[in-house]
Structure formats: C-alpha cells, structure tokens
Amino acid sequence: MRMLSPRALIAFTLALAAPAMAQIDHSMHAMPMAKPATVAANADMGDGLVKKVDKTKGTVTLAHGALPNGMPPMTMAYKVKDTAWLDQLKAGQKIRFATDPKDGGMTVLRYESVK
C-alpha cells in the first residue's frame, strides 16, 4: 500500500473540510460588540465641583461624589494632565472628569464643563 505524502494528506484533509466550512455561518451578528468609545469614555467620568485652582502646585481641588473607579465622595486636590487646564478651570465651576487609574486616580486625565 502506498503512503500519502504530507502535502497530499493536507490537501485531502482540506478538500474534505471545505463543504463543512461552507455550512458555517461566518457573519458576526451573534458576536458581542464593544460599546462605542463615546459611551465608554463618559461612563468612567464623575461629577465634580472646582473648589480651588493652585497653579504653583499644578493642582485643582475638587469636591465630588462617588467616582466610577470606587473612590468615595470627598474633596481633594488632583494633579492635572495638562497644566494649561489650570487657566481654564475656575472655583465654583461644575465639571465631569476622569482620573488616571495608573496613579491610583490622583491625576485628572480629561474633563468637560457642565452647564
């Protein structure tokens, strides 16, 4: 009896599998999809009230409720990702903000004003 070469064996296996593969539904309609980035970006933001802006220390003091990262309600000073923000933030301003999980939530990564 003659043995099949490895190439012939692979070709034979693929030829047998082709009809079965054609029967599989390759659409992605049943695949779970990620949420849009805008939803995810806003989901991790908390509400805060600017209490103080300290340009010399590069911090903004925020009073906030419980944050999505698990931080309880409190008032504390946060570093900011971009010190130019300190020229835009004013005491009494309401904002939504997200913190950096890499440093334990001690830096504001982004913010938006709330009207």
N, C-alpha and C. Protein backbone atom coordinates (compact mmCIF):
# COMPACT_ATOMS: atom_id res chain seq x y z
N MET A 1 0.83 -1.17 0.00
CA MET A 1 0.00 0.00 0.00
C MET A 1 0.88 1.24 0.00
N ARG A 2 0.49 2.21 -0.78
CA ARG A 2 1.29 3.41 -0.94
C ARG A 2 0.86 4.47 0.08
N MET A 3 1.80 5.12 0.75
CA MET A 3 1.53 6.16 1.75
C MET A 3 1.37 7.52 1.04
N LEU A 4 0.49 8.35 1.58
CA LEU A 4 0.31 9.70 1.05
C LEU A 4 1.42 10.60 1.59
N SER A 5 1.89 11.49 0.72
CA SER A 5 2.89 12.46 1.17
C SER A 5 2.21 13.45 2.10
N PRO A 6 2.98 14.14 2.93
CA PRO A 6 2.37 15.13 3.83
C PRO A 6 1.56 16.19 3.08
N ARG A 7 2.04 16.63 1.92
CA ARG A 7 1.29 17.63 1.14
C ARG A 7 -0.03 17.07 0.65
N ALA A 8 0.01 15.85 0.15
CA ALA A 8 -1.22 15.22 -0.34
C ALA A 8 -2.21 15.00 0.81
N LEU A 9 -1.71 14.64 1.97
CA LEU A 9 -2.56 14.42 3.12
C LEU A 9 -3.25 15.72 3.56
N ILE A 10 -2.51 16.82 3.54
CA ILE A 10 -3.07 18.13 3.90
C ILE A 10 -4.13 18.54 2.87
N ALA A 11 -3.82 18.39 1.58
CA ALA A 11 -4.77 18.74 0.53
C ALA A 11 -6.05 17.91 0.65
N PHE A 12 -5.91 16.62 0.92
CA PHE A 12 -7.05 15.73 1.06
C PHE A 12 -7.92 16.15 2.26
N THR A 13 -7.28 16.49 3.38
CA THR A 13 -8.00 16.92 4.57
C THR A 13 -8.75 18.22 4.31
N LEU A 14 -8.11 19.16 3.64
CA LEU A 14 -8.77 20.43 3.33
C LEU A 14 -9.94 20.23 2.37
N ALA A 15 -9.78 19.34 1.42
CA ALA A 15 -10.86 19.06 0.47
C ALA A 15 -12.08 18.47 1.19
N LEU A 16 -11.83 17.64 2.19
CA LEU A 16 -12.94 17.08 2.95
C LEU A 16 -13.59 18.11 3.86
N ALA A 17 -12.81 19.07 4.36
CA ALA A 17 -13.31 20.07 5.30
C ALA A 17 -14.04 21.22 4.60
N ALA A 18 -13.76 21.46 3.34
CA ALA A 18 -14.34 22.61 2.63
C ALA A 18 -15.86 22.63 2.67
N PRO A 19 -16.56 21.52 2.37
CA PRO A 19 -18.03 21.59 2.44
C PRO A 19 -18.54 21.92 3.85
N ALA A 20 -17.90 21.40 4.86
CA ALA A 20 -18.32 21.68 6.23
C ALA A 20 -18.10 23.16 6.56
N MET A 21 -16.99 23.72 6.14
CA MET A 21 -16.70 25.13 6.39
C MET A 21 -17.70 26.03 5.66
N ALA A 22 -18.17 25.60 4.49
CA ALA A 22 -19.13 26.39 3.73
C ALA A 22 -20.47 26.47 4.45
N GLN A 23 -20.78 25.52 5.30
CA GLN A 23 -22.05 25.47 6.01
C GLN A 23 -22.06 26.37 7.25
N ILE A 24 -20.90 26.79 7.73
CA ILE A 24 -20.80 27.59 8.95
C ILE A 24 -21.23 29.02 8.67
N ASP A 25 -21.99 29.60 9.57
CA ASP A 25 -22.41 30.99 9.46
C ASP A 25 -21.24 31.88 9.87
N HIS A 26 -20.65 32.58 8.91
CA HIS A 26 -19.47 33.40 9.19
C HIS A 26 -19.83 34.86 9.48
N SER A 27 -21.12 35.18 9.54
CA SER A 27 -21.50 36.55 9.87
C SER A 27 -21.18 36.79 11.34
N MET A 28 -21.13 38.04 11.72
CA MET A 28 -20.78 38.38 13.10
C MET A 28 -22.00 38.85 13.88
N HIS A 29 -23.22 38.49 13.39
CA HIS A 29 -24.42 39.01 14.04
C HIS A 29 -24.59 38.50 15.46
N ALA A 30 -24.00 37.39 15.80
CA ALA A 30 -24.15 36.87 17.17
C ALA A 30 -22.96 37.21 18.06
N MET A 31 -21.99 37.91 17.53
CA MET A 31 -20.80 38.25 18.29
C MET A 31 -21.07 39.45 19.20
N PRO A 32 -20.61 39.40 20.44
CA PRO A 32 -20.77 40.58 21.30
C PRO A 32 -19.88 41.70 20.78
N MET A 33 -20.40 42.89 20.74
CA MET A 33 -19.66 44.03 20.22
C MET A 33 -19.31 44.98 21.36
N ALA A 34 -18.19 45.65 21.21
CA ALA A 34 -17.77 46.65 22.20
C ALA A 34 -18.70 47.86 22.11
N LYS A 35 -18.88 48.54 23.21
CA LYS A 35 -19.69 49.75 23.22
C LYS A 35 -18.93 50.85 22.49
N PRO A 36 -19.64 51.78 21.90
CA PRO A 36 -18.96 52.89 21.24
C PRO A 36 -18.05 53.62 22.22
N ALA A 37 -16.97 54.17 21.71
CA ALA A 37 -15.98 54.84 22.55
C ALA A 37 -16.58 56.00 23.34
N THR A 38 -17.55 56.70 22.76
CA THR A 38 -18.13 57.83 23.47
C THR A 38 -18.88 57.38 24.72
N VAL A 39 -19.55 56.24 24.64
CA VAL A 39 -20.25 55.72 25.81
C VAL A 39 -19.24 55.30 26.86
N ALA A 40 -18.21 54.56 26.44
CA ALA A 40 -17.20 54.10 27.38
C ALA A 40 -16.45 55.28 28.01
N ALA A 41 -16.16 56.29 27.21
CA ALA A 41 -15.42 57.44 27.72
C ALA A 41 -16.22 58.19 28.78
N ASN A 42 -17.52 58.35 28.56
CA ASN A 42 -18.35 59.07 29.52
C ASN A 42 -18.71 58.23 30.73
N ALA A 43 -18.69 56.90 30.57
CA ALA A 43 -19.09 56.01 31.66
C ALA A 43 -18.11 56.09 32.83
N ASP A 44 -16.86 56.42 32.57
CA ASP A 44 -15.88 56.45 33.65
C ASP A 44 -15.65 57.85 34.20
N MET A 45 -16.53 58.78 33.89
CA MET A 45 -16.39 60.15 34.37
C MET A 45 -17.30 60.38 35.58
N GLY A 46 -16.80 61.18 36.50
CA GLY A 46 -17.57 61.54 37.68
C GLY A 46 -17.87 63.03 37.69
N ASP A 47 -18.83 63.44 38.49
CA ASP A 47 -19.20 64.84 38.60
C ASP A 47 -18.39 65.49 39.72
N GLY A 48 -17.94 66.71 39.48
CA GLY A 48 -17.18 67.42 40.49
C GLY A 48 -17.44 68.91 40.47
N LEU A 49 -17.06 69.55 41.56
CA LEU A 49 -17.16 70.99 41.70
C LEU A 49 -15.78 71.52 42.02
N VAL A 50 -15.30 72.45 41.19
CA VAL A 50 -13.96 73.03 41.43
C VAL A 50 -14.02 73.91 42.67
N LYS A 51 -13.19 73.59 43.64
CA LYS A 51 -13.13 74.37 44.87
C LYS A 51 -11.95 75.36 44.83
N LYS A 52 -10.83 74.91 44.23
CA LYS A 52 -9.63 75.74 44.24
C LYS A 52 -8.72 75.32 43.08
N VAL A 53 -8.05 76.31 42.50
CA VAL A 53 -7.05 76.06 41.46
C VAL A 53 -5.73 76.58 42.00
N ASP A 54 -4.72 75.71 42.06
CA ASP A 54 -3.41 76.11 42.58
C ASP A 54 -2.37 75.92 41.47
N LYS A 55 -2.07 77.01 40.78
CA LYS A 55 -1.13 76.94 39.66
C LYS A 55 0.30 76.66 40.12
N THR A 56 0.66 77.09 41.31
CA THR A 56 2.04 76.85 41.77
C THR A 56 2.27 75.36 42.04
N LYS A 57 1.26 74.67 42.54
CA LYS A 57 1.39 73.23 42.80
C LYS A 57 0.94 72.39 41.60
N GLY A 58 0.26 73.03 40.65
CA GLY A 58 -0.25 72.31 39.48
C GLY A 58 -1.40 71.39 39.83
N THR A 59 -2.28 71.87 40.75
CA THR A 59 -3.40 71.03 41.19
C THR A 59 -4.72 71.77 41.11
N VAL A 60 -5.78 71.00 41.09
CA VAL A 60 -7.13 71.52 41.19
C VAL A 60 -7.81 70.74 42.31
N THR A 61 -8.44 71.47 43.23
CA THR A 61 -9.17 70.83 44.32
C THR A 61 -10.62 70.66 43.88
N LEU A 62 -11.10 69.41 43.95
CA LEU A 62 -12.45 69.07 43.52
C LEU A 62 -13.24 68.45 44.65
N ALA A 63 -14.49 68.87 44.78
CA ALA A 63 -15.45 68.18 45.66
C ALA A 63 -16.26 67.31 44.71
N HIS A 64 -16.35 66.02 45.04
CA HIS A 64 -17.04 65.11 44.13
C HIS A 64 -17.79 64.04 44.89
N GLY A 65 -18.74 63.44 44.19
CA GLY A 65 -19.46 62.29 44.72
C GLY A 65 -18.62 61.04 44.49
N ALA A 66 -19.22 59.89 44.71
CA ALA A 66 -18.53 58.61 44.46
C ALA A 66 -18.14 58.55 42.98
N LEU A 67 -16.91 58.11 42.72
CA LEU A 67 -16.41 58.02 41.35
C LEU A 67 -16.53 56.59 40.82
N PRO A 68 -16.60 56.44 39.50
CA PRO A 68 -16.70 55.10 38.91
C PRO A 68 -15.52 54.19 39.28
N ASN A 69 -14.38 54.76 39.64
CA ASN A 69 -13.21 53.94 40.00
C ASN A 69 -13.28 53.43 41.43
N GLY A 70 -14.38 53.76 42.14
CA GLY A 70 -14.56 53.26 43.50
C GLY A 70 -14.19 54.27 44.58
N MET A 71 -13.66 55.41 44.20
CA MET A 71 -13.29 56.42 45.20
C MET A 71 -14.57 56.99 45.82
N PRO A 72 -14.63 57.07 47.14
CA PRO A 72 -15.84 57.59 47.79
C PRO A 72 -15.93 59.11 47.65
N PRO A 73 -17.09 59.67 47.97
CA PRO A 73 -17.24 61.13 47.92
C PRO A 73 -16.23 61.82 48.83
N MET A 74 -15.65 62.90 48.34
CA MET A 74 -14.67 63.66 49.14
C MET A 74 -14.29 64.94 48.42
N THR A 75 -13.49 65.72 49.08
CA THR A 75 -12.88 66.90 48.48
C THR A 75 -11.37 66.70 48.58
N MET A 76 -10.70 66.78 47.43
CA MET A 76 -9.24 66.59 47.44
C MET A 76 -8.60 67.27 46.25
N ALA A 77 -7.30 67.49 46.36
CA ALA A 77 -6.52 68.10 45.29
C ALA A 77 -6.03 67.02 44.34
N TYR A 78 -6.18 67.28 43.05
CA TYR A 78 -5.73 66.37 42.00
C TYR A 78 -4.69 67.08 41.14
N LYS A 79 -3.70 66.33 40.68
CA LYS A 79 -2.81 66.83 39.64
C LYS A 79 -3.63 66.84 38.35
N VAL A 80 -3.18 67.59 37.36
CA VAL A 80 -3.85 67.62 36.07
C VAL A 80 -2.89 67.19 34.98
N LYS A 81 -3.42 66.52 33.97
CA LYS A 81 -2.59 66.02 32.86
C LYS A 81 -1.95 67.19 32.11
N ASP A 82 -2.71 68.26 31.94
CA ASP A 82 -2.23 69.42 31.18
C ASP A 82 -2.37 70.67 32.07
N THR A 83 -1.24 71.25 32.43
CA THR A 83 -1.29 72.41 33.34
C THR A 83 -1.99 73.62 32.71
N ALA A 84 -2.15 73.65 31.39
CA ALA A 84 -2.89 74.74 30.75
C ALA A 84 -4.35 74.73 31.19
N TRP A 85 -4.85 73.58 31.62
CA TRP A 85 -6.22 73.50 32.11
C TRP A 85 -6.43 74.39 33.33
N LEU A 86 -5.36 74.61 34.09
CA LEU A 86 -5.49 75.42 35.31
C LEU A 86 -5.86 76.86 35.00
N ASP A 87 -5.59 77.32 33.77
CA ASP A 87 -6.00 78.66 33.34
C ASP A 87 -7.48 78.68 32.96
N GLN A 88 -8.05 77.52 32.66
CA GLN A 88 -9.44 77.43 32.22
C GLN A 88 -10.39 77.11 33.37
N LEU A 89 -9.91 76.39 34.36
CA LEU A 89 -10.76 75.99 35.49
C LEU A 89 -10.89 77.13 36.49
N LYS A 90 -12.10 77.30 37.02
CA LYS A 90 -12.38 78.38 37.99
C LYS A 90 -13.14 77.80 39.18
N ALA A 91 -12.88 78.33 40.36
CA ALA A 91 -13.62 77.92 41.55
C ALA A 91 -15.11 78.13 41.32
N GLY A 92 -15.91 77.13 41.73
CA GLY A 92 -17.35 77.18 41.56
C GLY A 92 -17.83 76.54 40.27
N GLN A 93 -16.91 76.16 39.39
CA GLN A 93 -17.26 75.54 38.11
C GLN A 93 -17.61 74.07 38.29
N LYS A 94 -18.71 73.64 37.68
CA LYS A 94 -19.09 72.23 37.70
C LYS A 94 -18.48 71.54 36.49
N ILE A 95 -17.88 70.37 36.74
CA ILE A 95 -17.24 69.62 35.66
C ILE A 95 -17.57 68.14 35.78
N ARG A 96 -17.33 67.42 34.70
CA ARG A 96 -17.27 65.95 34.70
C ARG A 96 -15.81 65.64 34.41
N PHE A 97 -15.26 64.66 35.13
CA PHE A 97 -13.84 64.39 34.96
C PHE A 97 -13.53 62.90 35.10
N ALA A 98 -12.41 62.52 34.53
CA ALA A 98 -11.92 61.14 34.65
C ALA A 98 -10.49 61.20 35.15
N THR A 99 -10.14 60.24 36.00
CA THR A 99 -8.81 60.21 36.59
C THR A 99 -8.00 59.05 36.01
N ASP A 100 -6.69 59.11 36.24
CA ASP A 100 -5.76 58.11 35.72
C ASP A 100 -5.67 56.92 36.67
N PRO A 101 -6.10 55.74 36.23
CA PRO A 101 -6.03 54.57 37.11
C PRO A 101 -4.59 54.14 37.39
N LYS A 102 -3.66 54.55 36.54
CA LYS A 102 -2.25 54.14 36.71
C LYS A 102 -1.63 54.73 37.97
N ASP A 103 -2.11 55.90 38.38
CA ASP A 103 -1.54 56.51 39.60
C ASP A 103 -2.55 56.53 40.74
N GLY A 104 -3.47 55.59 40.70
CA GLY A 104 -4.45 55.49 41.78
C GLY A 104 -5.54 56.54 41.72
N GLY A 105 -5.73 57.14 40.55
CA GLY A 105 -6.78 58.15 40.40
C GLY A 105 -6.40 59.50 40.94
N MET A 106 -5.12 59.81 40.98
CA MET A 106 -4.67 61.07 41.57
C MET A 106 -4.45 62.18 40.53
N THR A 107 -4.64 61.86 39.24
CA THR A 107 -4.45 62.84 38.18
C THR A 107 -5.69 62.90 37.30
N VAL A 108 -6.16 64.11 37.01
CA VAL A 108 -7.28 64.30 36.10
C VAL A 108 -6.75 64.15 34.68
N LEU A 109 -7.28 63.15 33.96
CA LEU A 109 -6.85 62.90 32.59
C LEU A 109 -7.64 63.72 31.58
N ARG A 110 -8.92 63.93 31.86
CA ARG A 110 -9.76 64.73 30.97
C ARG A 110 -10.92 65.29 31.79
N TYR A 111 -11.47 66.36 31.26
CA TYR A 111 -12.62 66.96 31.94
C TYR A 111 -13.47 67.67 30.89
N GLU A 112 -14.70 67.91 31.25
CA GLU A 112 -15.59 68.73 30.43
C GLU A 112 -16.44 69.57 31.36
N SER A 113 -16.73 70.78 30.94
CA SER A 113 -17.58 71.67 31.74
C SER A 113 -19.02 71.20 31.68
N VAL A 114 -19.73 71.39 32.79
CA VAL A 114 -21.15 71.06 32.86
C VAL A 114 -21.90 72.37 33.00
N LYS A 115 -22.94 72.53 32.22
CA LYS A 115 -23.71 73.77 32.28
C LYS A 115 -24.90 73.62 33.17
